[in-house]
Amino acid sequence: MSSKRPVDVTSKEKNEYIPSFISKKPFYLEGPDSENDYLDHQRLQSATPDQSKWYDRGKRLGPAATKFRKGACENCGAMTHKTKECLSRPRAKGAKWTGKDIQADEVVQDVQLGWDAKRDRWNGYDATEYQSVIKEYEELEHLKKGAKSGQAAGPQTLIENGDDDNTVEQEEAKYAEESDMGRQQSTATRNLRLREDTAKYLLNLDLDSAKYDPKTRSMVDMGAQADQAAALVAEDNFMRASGDAAEFERAQKYAWESQERGDKNKTHLQANPTSGEYFRRQERQESNAKREAQRKRLLEKYGGEQHLQPDALKVNAITESEKYVEYDETGAIKGAPKAVAKTKYPEDVLINNHTLVWGSWWKNFQWGYACCHSTVKNSYCTGEEGKAAVKQANRMRTGAELEGMDAGRVTATTITMEESTPNGEFSANQRRSDTNGKPEAAAKKRTLAEMRGGVGEEELEAYKRSRAIGDDPMGRFLGKDELVS
């Protein structure tokens, strides 16, 4: 055996004969390992790509709980979502009240997808789901072969293999050539139309003209009335809505549906209109008879026939009116107020004596109740008294109460407030003793503009010094040589 050890690919020197477009690593793949192996991006990657990560749909955690847990969904009893987020069928009485059929908790996963995985349209696709499509086609082919074998079972039951293959190909061609309306035509000319058959939406390309609706294959939104397209649309709409046009469309629809279902008595409206009308009338009579028998059976079982009799007052009441009502294209009455769409969330729920909901009032970047101007959610409504209290508090906070007072009243009010506070008593008496007999004493008092403008740094420092002296328990003994008993 050879004693040489295998050489690691990362320890090899760079091969100068490898072209640069192969050896050069793209900028988005550069990493700490790029210096070790310069051909790492060309080798088979063992790491699992992000496209293989996906959510486990429908996976649940273990067995379901046997009793309702606090904080779980009130509808199904799972702990991983709330009642508003529940995707199960809404129950008449949820699991919170019945304690039955509690569902297991779902698996909540945090799948971190990369840039490519987020944009991969096939990410998370399960290839086994396509088996249902294959199975459907196989069943269809089996039914076709069964129908063919049933038709061929007759006096000639033995067919050679070559003839059998030709027959199958001819039958397949018939299926391909048969259109939705039951007509069999050549495959080459099936999708062609007459050269003179001009589409109605090409008669006038004006933006304000009539517009073509491809779903109903008709012209809608008349628009301009003075062009050829508008006249054609008016005539077309009139012909569609008058006479037996509606009845003809129903007969044509019945013929198409009978052919699509593959009924025994499938009809063709143009080939045999009498047969189509006969079977359609027979089917309508049978459905009416079944409906009447069902109604009679329900009345015999539950009763209540007297409630189905017409009310004399309603019959004699005036039901006709000359009031003119105009509807728009959506079927709503023109000029009527638009109905507000309802959501599954509770709306207009008034609590704690409030007459308006939370969020009906906004001020100073705060939501509140417009009935009492309260910014505290779920608070009790105080009505007009609450509005007055909020207004008074704002006036006191901004100093608006002092706008109507003169300078003398403001000074007196300030002195009274300082005397009433225990901490400001020393500073008020000291200011009185210092300003006795001086003309500039009144000027040292704060004016209305200063009070509304705020407190400066110097005033705040002076207040702290006076506050410290007033709060000092040994301050009143300074300068006195007395013994405390």
Protein backbone atom coordinates (compact mmCIF):
# COMPACT_ATOMS: atom_id res chain seq x y z
CA MET A 1 0.00 0.00 0.00
CA SER A 2 1.13 3.53 -0.65
CA SER A 3 2.18 5.55 2.35
CA LYS A 4 1.27 8.88 0.80
CA ARG A 5 -1.51 10.80 2.51
CA PRO A 6 -4.32 12.35 0.40
CA VAL A 7 -3.72 16.00 -0.33
CA ASP A 8 -6.47 18.38 0.76
CA VAL A 9 -7.97 20.43 -2.06
CA THR A 10 -7.79 23.58 0.03
CA SER A 11 -3.99 23.25 0.43
CA LYS A 12 -3.30 23.19 -3.29
CA GLU A 13 -1.77 26.19 -4.95
CA LYS A 14 -3.79 28.30 -7.35
CA ASN A 15 -3.81 26.88 -10.85
CA GLU A 16 -2.92 29.62 -13.30
CA TYR A 17 -4.35 27.73 -16.29
CA ILE A 18 -7.92 27.93 -14.99
CA PRO A 19 -9.74 30.85 -16.68
CA SER A 20 -10.60 33.82 -14.50
CA PHE A 21 -14.35 33.58 -15.17
CA ILE A 22 -14.24 30.14 -13.50
CA SER A 23 -11.77 30.77 -10.69
CA LYS A 24 -13.07 34.21 -9.72
CA LYS A 25 -15.71 34.04 -7.00
CA PRO A 26 -18.74 36.35 -7.29
CA PHE A 27 -18.95 39.19 -4.82
CA TYR A 28 -22.11 37.83 -3.18
CA LEU A 29 -20.40 34.51 -2.36
CA GLU A 30 -17.25 35.94 -0.78
CA GLY A 31 -16.73 34.88 2.82
CA PRO A 32 -14.09 33.89 5.37
CA ASP A 33 -13.53 30.53 3.62
CA SER A 34 -12.76 32.10 0.25
CA GLU A 35 -9.07 32.52 1.10
CA ASN A 36 -8.61 28.81 1.90
CA ASP A 37 -10.18 27.40 -1.26
CA TYR A 38 -10.43 29.69 -4.26
CA LEU A 39 -12.64 27.12 -6.09
CA ASP A 40 -15.09 26.65 -3.23
CA HIS A 41 -17.90 28.22 -5.24
CA GLN A 42 -17.42 25.61 -8.01
CA ARG A 43 -17.66 22.59 -5.70
CA LEU A 44 -20.81 20.75 -4.64
CA GLN A 45 -22.35 22.59 -1.72
CA SER A 46 -23.52 20.42 1.15
CA ALA A 47 -25.40 23.17 2.95
CA THR A 48 -29.19 23.10 2.74
CA PRO A 49 -30.51 26.07 0.75
CA ASP A 50 -33.14 28.42 2.12
CA GLN A 51 -35.67 27.21 -0.45
CA SER A 52 -36.07 23.93 1.45
CA LYS A 53 -37.39 25.67 4.55
CA TRP A 54 -41.11 26.14 4.84
CA TYR A 55 -43.94 26.01 7.34
CA ASP A 56 -45.50 22.74 8.45
CA ARG A 57 -49.06 23.45 7.39
CA GLY A 58 -51.72 22.01 9.63
CA LYS A 59 -49.26 20.52 12.13
CA ARG A 60 -50.41 20.54 15.74
CA LEU A 61 -48.67 20.05 19.06
CA GLY A 62 -49.50 16.72 20.67
CA PRO A 63 -52.91 15.75 21.99
CA ALA A 64 -55.60 18.33 22.64
CA ALA A 65 -56.44 19.59 26.11
CA THR A 66 -59.36 18.05 27.99
CA LYS A 67 -60.59 21.27 29.63
CA PHE A 68 -60.65 24.91 28.65
CA ARG A 69 -57.57 26.92 29.60
CA LYS A 70 -57.54 30.59 30.52
CA GLY A 71 -56.44 32.81 27.63
CA ALA A 72 -57.29 30.25 24.94
CA CYS A 73 -59.52 30.79 21.91
CA GLU A 74 -63.16 30.95 23.01
CA ASN A 75 -64.29 29.23 19.81
CA CYS A 76 -62.00 26.18 19.45
CA GLY A 77 -59.97 26.22 22.69
CA ALA A 78 -56.46 26.45 21.19
CA MET A 79 -53.85 28.55 22.98
CA THR A 80 -51.91 29.70 19.91
CA HIS A 81 -54.45 32.27 18.65
CA LYS A 82 -57.28 34.51 19.86
CA THR A 83 -60.97 34.36 19.04
CA LYS A 84 -60.74 37.03 16.33
CA GLU A 85 -57.95 35.12 14.58
CA CYS A 86 -59.67 31.70 14.71
CA LEU A 87 -60.08 30.04 11.31
CA SER A 88 -62.39 27.26 12.52
CA ARG A 89 -66.11 27.32 11.90
CA PRO A 90 -67.85 29.64 14.39
CA ARG A 91 -69.74 27.54 16.88
CA ALA A 92 -73.10 28.37 18.41
CA LYS A 93 -71.51 27.81 21.83
CA GLY A 94 -67.75 27.91 21.89
CA ALA A 95 -65.37 25.63 23.72
CA LYS A 96 -65.15 28.17 26.55
CA TRP A 97 -68.73 27.45 27.59
CA THR A 98 -69.17 23.82 26.51
CA GLY A 99 -65.67 22.45 27.19
CA LYS A 100 -66.10 19.98 24.31
CA ASP A 101 -64.14 19.35 21.13
CA ILE A 102 -61.14 21.40 22.20
CA GLN A 103 -58.63 21.60 19.36
CA ALA A 104 -54.90 21.03 19.79
CA ASP A 105 -52.47 23.93 19.62
CA GLU A 106 -50.90 24.79 16.26
CA VAL A 107 -47.17 24.72 15.68
CA VAL A 108 -45.95 28.32 15.50
CA GLN A 109 -42.72 28.42 13.53
CA ASP A 110 -40.27 31.22 12.90
CA VAL A 111 -38.95 30.45 9.43
CA GLN A 112 -36.15 32.80 8.39
CA LEU A 113 -36.19 33.03 4.61
CA GLY A 114 -33.48 34.57 2.49
CA TRP A 115 -33.78 36.95 -0.44
CA ASP A 116 -34.21 34.17 -3.03
CA ALA A 117 -36.51 32.07 -0.86
CA LYS A 118 -38.95 34.94 -0.39
CA ARG A 119 -39.25 35.40 -4.15
CA ASP A 120 -39.40 31.72 -5.10
CA ARG A 121 -42.93 31.05 -6.37
CA TRP A 122 -42.51 27.29 -5.90
CA ASN A 123 -41.16 27.50 -2.36
CA GLY A 124 -43.16 25.18 -0.12
CA TYR A 125 -44.86 23.38 -3.01
CA ASP A 126 -45.72 19.77 -2.27
CA ALA A 127 -45.32 17.62 -5.37
CA THR A 128 -47.69 15.01 -3.96
CA GLU A 129 -50.60 17.42 -4.41
CA TYR A 130 -50.38 16.93 -8.16
CA GLN A 131 -51.33 13.29 -7.74
CA SER A 132 -54.97 14.36 -7.36
CA VAL A 133 -54.85 15.97 -10.83
CA ILE A 134 -53.31 12.84 -12.33
CA LYS A 135 -55.92 10.68 -10.63
CA GLU A 136 -58.73 12.82 -12.03
CA TYR A 137 -57.40 12.47 -15.58
CA GLU A 138 -56.98 8.73 -15.15
CA GLU A 139 -60.59 8.37 -13.99
CA LEU A 140 -61.75 10.39 -16.99
CA GLU A 141 -59.81 8.18 -19.39
CA HIS A 142 -61.22 5.09 -17.71
CA LEU A 143 -64.77 6.36 -18.17
CA LYS A 144 -64.11 7.15 -21.84
CA LYS A 145 -62.79 3.65 -22.46
CA GLY A 146 -65.76 2.17 -20.64
CA ALA A 147 -68.19 4.16 -22.79
CA LYS A 148 -66.41 3.08 -25.97
CA SER A 149 -66.38 -0.60 -24.99
CA GLY A 150 -70.09 -0.44 -24.16
CA GLN A 151 -70.92 1.02 -27.56
CA ALA A 152 -68.73 -1.49 -29.37
CA ALA A 153 -70.32 -4.50 -27.59
CA GLY A 154 -72.61 -5.81 -30.33
CA PRO A 155 -72.57 -8.33 -33.14
CA GLN A 156 -68.94 -7.60 -33.94
CA THR A 157 -67.00 -8.09 -30.72
CA LEU A 158 -63.69 -9.16 -32.19
CA ILE A 159 -61.59 -6.33 -33.61
CA GLU A 160 -58.03 -6.58 -34.65
CA ASN A 161 -55.36 -4.60 -32.84
CA GLY A 162 -54.67 -2.25 -35.76
CA ASP A 163 -58.35 -1.47 -36.27
CA ASP A 164 -58.76 -0.92 -32.53
CA ASP A 165 -55.97 1.67 -32.49
CA ASN A 166 -57.45 3.52 -35.44
CA THR A 167 -60.83 3.62 -33.74
CA VAL A 168 -59.30 5.07 -30.59
CA GLU A 169 -57.53 7.79 -32.57
CA GLN A 170 -60.74 8.70 -34.37
CA GLU A 171 -62.64 8.93 -31.08
CA GLU A 172 -59.93 11.14 -29.60
CA ALA A 173 -60.15 13.41 -32.65
CA LYS A 174 -63.89 13.69 -32.13
CA TYR A 175 -63.37 14.76 -28.55
CA ALA A 176 -60.85 17.36 -29.69
CA GLU A 177 -63.00 18.72 -32.50
CA GLU A 178 -66.19 19.01 -30.47
CA SER A 179 -66.59 22.57 -29.23
CA ASP A 180 -68.58 23.96 -26.29
CA MET A 181 -71.70 24.39 -28.43
CA GLY A 182 -71.66 20.81 -29.70
CA ARG A 183 -70.54 21.71 -33.23
CA GLN A 184 -68.00 19.53 -34.97
CA GLN A 185 -65.78 21.42 -37.35
CA SER A 186 -62.35 21.24 -38.87
CA THR A 187 -59.45 21.83 -36.52
CA ALA A 188 -57.76 24.17 -39.03
CA THR A 189 -60.72 26.56 -39.34
CA ARG A 190 -62.05 26.24 -35.82
CA ASN A 191 -60.60 29.51 -34.47
CA LEU A 192 -61.15 31.64 -37.59
CA ARG A 193 -63.95 34.12 -38.21
CA LEU A 194 -65.24 36.09 -41.17
CA ARG A 195 -63.10 38.94 -42.47
CA GLU A 196 -66.14 41.25 -42.57
CA ASP A 197 -67.04 40.48 -38.96
CA THR A 198 -65.70 43.63 -37.26
CA ALA A 199 -65.67 43.62 -33.50
CA LYS A 200 -68.02 46.15 -31.96
CA TYR A 201 -65.36 47.58 -29.69
CA LEU A 202 -63.30 48.52 -32.79
CA LEU A 203 -66.00 50.71 -34.37
CA ASN A 204 -65.02 53.69 -32.26
CA LEU A 205 -61.81 53.96 -30.23
CA ASP A 206 -62.78 57.21 -28.49
CA LEU A 207 -62.19 57.04 -24.73
CA ASP A 208 -65.59 58.66 -24.06
CA SER A 209 -67.44 56.22 -26.26
CA ALA A 210 -69.13 52.97 -25.31
CA LYS A 211 -66.95 50.35 -23.65
CA TYR A 212 -66.83 46.62 -24.34
CA ASP A 213 -67.29 44.19 -21.45
CA PRO A 214 -65.51 40.93 -22.42
CA LYS A 215 -67.19 38.94 -19.67
CA THR A 216 -70.75 39.48 -20.93
CA ARG A 217 -69.62 40.12 -24.54
CA SER A 218 -71.70 43.28 -24.71
CA MET A 219 -71.16 47.02 -24.83
CA VAL A 220 -71.68 48.90 -21.58
CA ASP A 221 -71.35 52.50 -20.39
CA MET A 222 -72.96 54.22 -23.37
CA GLY A 223 -70.82 57.35 -23.14
CA ALA A 224 -71.07 59.45 -26.32
CA GLN A 225 -74.46 59.13 -28.02
CA ALA A 226 -73.67 60.68 -31.41
CA ASP A 227 -71.43 57.99 -32.87
CA GLN A 228 -72.02 54.70 -34.67
CA ALA A 229 -70.89 52.56 -31.72
CA ALA A 230 -73.42 54.16 -29.38
CA ALA A 231 -76.26 53.56 -31.85
CA LEU A 232 -75.21 49.94 -32.25
CA VAL A 233 -75.01 49.49 -28.50
CA ALA A 234 -78.46 50.98 -28.00
CA GLU A 235 -79.91 48.63 -30.60
CA ASP A 236 -78.05 45.64 -29.17
CA ASN A 237 -79.19 46.32 -25.61
CA PHE A 238 -82.76 46.84 -26.76
CA MET A 239 -82.76 43.55 -28.63
CA ARG A 240 -81.29 41.71 -25.65
CA ALA A 241 -83.94 43.01 -23.25
CA SER A 242 -87.09 42.79 -25.41
CA GLY A 243 -89.26 40.03 -26.82
CA ASP A 244 -88.13 36.40 -26.50
CA ALA A 245 -84.43 37.21 -26.34
CA ALA A 246 -84.20 36.37 -22.64
CA GLU A 247 -86.13 33.12 -23.16
CA PHE A 248 -83.86 32.22 -26.07
CA GLU A 249 -80.76 32.75 -23.92
CA ARG A 250 -82.19 30.45 -21.23
CA ALA A 251 -82.92 27.77 -23.84
CA GLN A 252 -79.40 28.06 -25.25
CA LYS A 253 -77.90 27.83 -21.76
CA TYR A 254 -79.95 24.71 -21.02
CA ALA A 255 -78.74 23.07 -24.25
CA TRP A 256 -75.10 23.82 -23.45
CA GLU A 257 -75.38 22.56 -19.88
CA SER A 258 -77.04 19.33 -21.01
CA GLN A 259 -74.15 18.66 -23.40
CA GLU A 260 -71.52 19.46 -20.78
CA ARG A 261 -73.16 17.11 -18.25
CA GLY A 262 -73.40 14.36 -20.89
CA ASP A 263 -77.10 13.75 -20.26
CA LYS A 264 -78.94 10.97 -22.00
CA ASN A 265 -81.27 13.47 -23.68
CA LYS A 266 -78.72 16.13 -24.59
CA THR A 267 -80.20 18.63 -26.99
CA HIS A 268 -79.00 21.03 -29.66
CA LEU A 269 -80.94 24.25 -29.94
CA GLN A 270 -80.30 24.85 -33.64
CA ALA A 271 -80.58 21.22 -34.78
CA ASN A 272 -83.74 20.28 -32.85
CA PRO A 273 -85.29 23.24 -30.98
CA THR A 274 -88.57 21.40 -30.39
CA SER A 275 -86.83 18.60 -28.50
CA GLY A 276 -84.90 21.11 -26.41
CA GLU A 277 -88.04 23.02 -25.47
CA TYR A 278 -89.87 19.77 -24.61
CA PHE A 279 -87.16 18.47 -22.28
CA ARG A 280 -86.69 21.88 -20.67
CA ARG A 281 -90.42 22.19 -19.95
CA GLN A 282 -90.50 18.63 -18.60
CA GLU A 283 -87.58 19.32 -16.29
CA ARG A 284 -89.19 22.56 -15.04
CA GLN A 285 -92.46 20.74 -14.28
CA GLU A 286 -90.63 17.98 -12.38
CA SER A 287 -88.71 20.51 -10.29
CA ASN A 288 -91.93 22.38 -9.46
CA ALA A 289 -93.64 19.12 -8.45
CA LYS A 290 -90.74 18.16 -6.19
CA ARG A 291 -90.73 21.62 -4.58
CA GLU A 292 -94.49 21.47 -3.94
CA ALA A 293 -94.22 17.96 -2.47
CA GLN A 294 -91.42 19.11 -0.17
CA ARG A 295 -93.48 22.10 0.95
CA LYS A 296 -96.54 19.93 1.62
CA ARG A 297 -94.46 17.42 3.60
CA LEU A 298 -93.02 20.19 5.78
CA LEU A 299 -96.48 21.65 6.45
CA GLU A 300 -97.83 18.24 7.47
CA LYS A 301 -94.91 17.69 9.85
CA TYR A 302 -94.57 21.13 11.46
CA GLY A 303 -97.83 22.88 10.63
CA GLY A 304 -98.16 26.66 10.26
CA GLU A 305 -100.22 26.78 7.08
CA GLN A 306 -102.27 29.64 8.49
CA HIS A 307 -99.20 31.88 8.40
CA LEU A 308 -98.86 31.38 4.66
CA GLN A 309 -102.29 32.82 3.91
CA PRO A 310 -102.20 36.39 2.55
CA ASP A 311 -103.02 39.09 5.10
CA ALA A 312 -106.15 41.07 4.27
CA LEU A 313 -104.64 44.33 5.54
CA LYS A 314 -101.57 43.90 3.39
CA VAL A 315 -103.64 43.03 0.33
CA ASN A 316 -105.89 46.06 0.72
CA ALA A 317 -103.04 48.41 1.59
CA ILE A 318 -101.81 50.78 -1.07
CA THR A 319 -98.60 49.31 -2.39
CA GLU A 320 -98.24 51.52 -5.46
CA SER A 321 -96.64 54.93 -5.36
CA GLU A 322 -95.80 57.70 -7.82
CA LYS A 323 -92.52 58.42 -6.07
CA TYR A 324 -89.70 58.50 -8.61
CA VAL A 325 -86.69 56.39 -7.70
CA GLU A 326 -83.53 56.24 -9.81
CA TYR A 327 -80.88 53.55 -9.44
CA ASP A 328 -77.23 53.65 -10.42
CA GLU A 329 -75.22 50.95 -12.19
CA THR A 330 -74.53 49.10 -8.91
CA GLY A 331 -78.24 48.77 -8.04
CA ALA A 332 -78.23 51.33 -5.22
CA ILE A 333 -80.62 54.26 -5.02
CA LYS A 334 -79.04 57.48 -6.25
CA GLY A 335 -78.66 60.10 -3.54
CA ALA A 336 -79.24 57.64 -0.68
CA PRO A 337 -76.63 57.61 2.10
CA LYS A 338 -74.08 54.87 1.60
CA ALA A 339 -74.34 52.08 4.13
CA VAL A 340 -71.27 51.68 6.29
CA ALA A 341 -69.73 48.23 6.09
CA LYS A 342 -69.82 46.31 9.34
CA THR A 343 -66.79 44.44 10.66
CA LYS A 344 -66.39 41.52 13.01
CA TYR A 345 -65.01 43.82 15.69
CA PRO A 346 -67.43 45.34 18.26
CA GLU A 347 -68.45 48.87 17.32
CA ASP A 348 -70.30 51.66 19.15
CA VAL A 349 -70.08 49.88 22.52
CA LEU A 350 -70.70 52.47 25.26
CA ILE A 351 -69.41 51.68 28.77
CA ASN A 352 -69.25 53.44 32.14
CA ASN A 353 -72.10 55.86 31.39
CA HIS A 354 -70.32 57.32 28.33
CA THR A 355 -72.45 58.62 25.47
CA LEU A 356 -69.60 58.51 22.92
CA VAL A 357 -66.94 55.90 22.21
CA TRP A 358 -63.25 56.04 23.03
CA GLY A 359 -61.34 57.92 20.35
CA SER A 360 -64.08 60.43 19.58
CA TRP A 361 -61.98 63.29 21.00
CA TRP A 362 -58.39 64.32 20.27
CA LYS A 363 -56.31 67.03 21.90
CA ASN A 364 -52.62 67.52 22.64
CA PHE A 365 -51.71 64.21 20.95
CA GLN A 366 -54.07 62.25 23.22
CA TRP A 367 -57.25 60.32 22.50
CA GLY A 368 -60.23 60.51 24.79
CA TYR A 369 -64.00 60.68 25.16
CA ALA A 370 -65.78 63.64 23.56
CA CYS A 371 -68.64 63.44 26.08
CA CYS A 372 -66.49 64.33 29.12
CA HIS A 373 -63.04 65.16 27.61
CA SER A 374 -61.43 62.40 29.65
CA THR A 375 -58.16 60.99 28.31
CA VAL A 376 -58.19 57.94 30.62
CA LYS A 377 -59.53 54.85 28.87
CA ASN A 378 -62.33 52.89 30.62
CA SER A 379 -62.86 55.78 33.05
CA TYR A 380 -66.31 56.73 34.35
CA CYS A 381 -68.08 59.52 32.47
CA THR A 382 -68.46 62.83 34.35
CA GLY A 383 -70.36 64.67 31.61
CA GLU A 384 -70.36 68.46 31.49
CA GLU A 385 -68.77 68.70 34.92
CA GLY A 386 -65.79 66.77 33.62
CA LYS A 387 -65.47 69.18 30.67
CA ALA A 388 -65.54 72.14 33.05
CA ALA A 389 -62.93 70.49 35.30
CA VAL A 390 -60.59 69.84 32.35
CA LYS A 391 -61.02 73.41 31.16
CA GLN A 392 -60.33 74.82 34.63
CA ALA A 393 -57.22 72.63 35.00
CA ASN A 394 -55.87 73.85 31.67
CA ARG A 395 -56.46 77.48 32.69
CA MET A 396 -54.64 76.98 35.97
CA ARG A 397 -51.78 75.16 34.25
CA THR A 398 -51.24 77.86 31.65
CA GLY A 399 -51.89 80.84 33.98
CA ALA A 400 -54.99 81.98 32.13
CA GLU A 401 -56.69 82.67 35.48
CA LEU A 402 -54.33 85.62 36.01
CA GLU A 403 -55.14 87.37 32.74
CA GLY A 404 -58.04 89.35 34.22
CA MET A 405 -56.20 90.39 37.39
CA ASP A 406 -54.16 93.56 37.84
CA ALA A 407 -50.59 93.62 39.17
CA GLY A 408 -51.66 94.35 42.78
CA ARG A 409 -54.05 91.41 42.93
CA VAL A 410 -51.45 89.10 41.37
CA THR A 411 -48.86 90.18 44.00
CA ALA A 412 -51.32 89.70 46.85
CA THR A 413 -52.34 86.30 45.57
CA THR A 414 -48.71 85.21 45.27
CA ILE A 415 -47.92 86.38 48.82
CA THR A 416 -50.97 84.58 50.19
CA MET A 417 -49.96 81.34 48.48
CA GLU A 418 -46.44 81.60 49.87
CA GLU A 419 -47.71 82.24 53.40
CA SER A 420 -50.05 79.27 53.22
CA THR A 421 -47.25 76.85 52.41
CA PRO A 422 -45.19 75.68 55.44
CA ASN A 423 -41.96 75.44 53.49
CA GLY A 424 -42.24 78.96 52.08
CA GLU A 425 -43.01 80.74 55.37
CA PHE A 426 -39.41 81.58 56.21
CA SER A 427 -38.62 82.89 52.74
CA ALA A 428 -41.79 85.06 52.63
CA ASN A 429 -41.05 86.68 56.04
CA GLN A 430 -37.45 87.19 55.08
CA ARG A 431 -38.47 88.95 51.84
CA ARG A 432 -40.84 91.22 53.77
CA SER A 433 -38.09 92.23 56.24
CA ASP A 434 -35.59 92.82 53.45
CA THR A 435 -37.91 94.94 51.29
CA ASN A 436 -39.42 97.22 53.97
CA GLY A 437 -39.07 100.89 52.98
CA LYS A 438 -37.53 100.17 49.56
CA PRO A 439 -39.23 101.46 46.39
CA GLU A 440 -37.97 98.54 44.24
CA ALA A 441 -39.71 95.91 46.37
CA ALA A 442 -42.70 95.72 44.05
CA ALA A 443 -40.45 95.30 41.07
CA LYS A 444 -38.94 92.14 42.55
CA LYS A 445 -42.27 90.37 42.39
CA ARG A 446 -42.88 88.18 39.36
CA THR A 447 -44.97 89.77 36.65
CA LEU A 448 -47.70 88.05 34.68
CA ALA A 449 -45.41 87.53 31.67
CA GLU A 450 -42.75 85.94 33.86
CA MET A 451 -45.27 83.63 35.49
CA ARG A 452 -46.58 82.49 32.10
CA GLY A 453 -43.10 82.23 30.58
CA GLY A 454 -41.79 79.69 33.07
CA VAL A 455 -39.11 79.52 35.74
CA GLY A 456 -35.54 80.49 34.93
CA GLU A 457 -32.34 78.88 36.22
CA GLU A 458 -31.56 81.77 38.62
CA GLU A 459 -35.04 81.70 40.16
CA LEU A 460 -34.90 77.93 40.53
CA GLU A 461 -31.50 78.16 42.28
CA ALA A 462 -32.79 80.84 44.65
CA TYR A 463 -35.83 78.70 45.44
CA LYS A 464 -33.64 75.68 46.20
CA ARG A 465 -31.46 77.74 48.58
CA SER A 466 -34.48 79.11 50.45
CA ARG A 467 -36.08 75.67 50.53
CA ALA A 468 -32.93 74.14 52.00
CA ILE A 469 -32.85 76.76 54.79
CA GLY A 470 -36.52 76.29 55.56
CA ASP A 471 -36.26 72.50 55.70
CA ASP A 472 -33.15 72.47 57.90
CA PRO A 473 -34.26 71.35 61.42
CA MET A 474 -31.29 73.19 63.01
CA GLY A 475 -31.74 76.36 61.03
CA ARG A 476 -33.79 78.11 63.72
CA PHE A 477 -30.99 77.67 66.27
CA LEU A 478 -28.41 79.52 64.20
CA GLY A 479 -27.09 82.66 66.02
CA LYS A 480 -28.63 81.72 69.38
CA ASP A 481 -26.76 80.65 72.49
CA GLU A 482 -29.61 78.89 74.21
CA LEU A 483 -29.75 75.43 75.61
CA VAL A 484 -32.51 73.16 74.47
CA SER A 485 -34.16 71.37 77.35
